[in-house]
């Protein structure tokens, strides 16, 4: 859980900004969205496989762009 302690003389806007940044860094909202509905293990495997494929394509393209 993200916690932010208010500094003395800190405005509410800056406190909210720090809290939102901390929530984004800890990836809390993306985790909540991912767990909102049940996903069977087959779909999880499919999603992870697709992510691996995207990552390998990206690295391949970067190496090709670097070397010609």
Protein backbone atom coordinates (compact mmCIF):
# COMPACT_ATOMS: atom_id res chain seq x y z
CA UNK A 1 0.00 0.00 0.00
CA UNK A 2 1.33 3.40 -0.94
CA UNK A 3 1.70 5.80 1.95
CA UNK A 4 2.68 9.44 1.86
CA UNK A 5 3.36 11.50 4.97
CA UNK A 6 2.53 15.18 4.72
CA UNK A 7 5.48 17.48 5.28
CA UNK A 8 4.97 20.62 7.31
CA UNK A 9 3.59 23.41 5.15
CA UNK A 10 3.03 21.11 2.15
CA UNK A 11 0.01 21.82 0.02
CA UNK A 12 -2.64 19.22 -0.70
CA UNK A 13 -1.84 19.39 -4.42
CA UNK A 14 1.80 18.43 -3.94
CA UNK A 15 0.78 15.69 -1.52
CA UNK A 16 -1.64 14.24 -4.06
CA UNK A 17 1.01 14.50 -6.79
CA UNK A 18 3.51 12.54 -4.66
CA UNK A 19 0.87 9.93 -3.82
CA UNK A 20 -0.13 9.45 -7.47
CA UNK A 21 3.51 9.12 -8.49
CA UNK A 22 4.09 6.50 -5.81
CA UNK A 23 1.01 4.53 -6.89
CA UNK A 24 2.22 4.57 -10.50
CA UNK A 25 5.74 3.48 -9.53
CA UNK A 26 4.40 0.57 -7.49
CA UNK A 27 2.06 -0.38 -10.37
CA UNK A 28 -0.90 -0.75 -8.06
CA UNK A 29 -3.57 0.30 -10.55
CA UNK A 30 -2.30 -1.98 -13.31
CA UNK A 31 -2.31 -4.88 -10.85
CA UNK A 32 -5.89 -4.11 -9.84
CA UNK A 33 -6.98 -3.94 -13.49
CA UNK A 34 -5.25 -7.24 -14.21
CA UNK A 35 -6.89 -9.00 -11.28
CA UNK A 36 -10.34 -7.54 -11.81
CA UNK A 37 -11.57 -10.63 -13.64
CA UNK A 38 -10.40 -14.21 -13.41
CA UNK A 39 -8.16 -15.37 -16.23
CA UNK A 40 -7.65 -19.06 -16.86
CA UNK A 41 -4.06 -20.32 -16.90
CA UNK A 42 -4.21 -20.89 -20.66
CA UNK A 43 -4.89 -17.21 -21.30
CA UNK A 44 -2.10 -16.20 -18.92
CA UNK A 45 0.35 -18.44 -20.78
CA UNK A 46 -0.84 -17.04 -24.10
CA UNK A 47 -0.37 -13.44 -22.88
CA UNK A 48 3.12 -14.15 -21.53
CA UNK A 49 4.13 -15.89 -24.75
CA UNK A 50 2.92 -12.92 -26.80
CA UNK A 51 4.88 -10.54 -24.56
CA UNK A 52 8.04 -12.61 -25.03
CA UNK A 53 7.53 -12.57 -28.78
CA UNK A 54 7.07 -8.78 -28.83
CA UNK A 55 10.20 -8.32 -26.73
CA UNK A 56 12.32 -10.56 -28.95
CA UNK A 57 11.08 -8.78 -32.08
CA UNK A 58 11.87 -5.43 -30.53
CA UNK A 59 15.43 -6.44 -29.63
CA UNK A 60 15.97 -7.98 -33.06
CA UNK A 61 14.81 -4.81 -34.78
CA UNK A 62 17.06 -2.68 -32.59
CA UNK A 63 20.11 -4.79 -33.39
CA UNK A 64 19.29 -4.69 -37.10
CA UNK A 65 18.94 -0.92 -37.01
CA UNK A 66 22.25 -0.56 -35.23
CA UNK A 67 24.28 -2.74 -37.55
CA UNK A 68 22.73 -1.99 -40.85
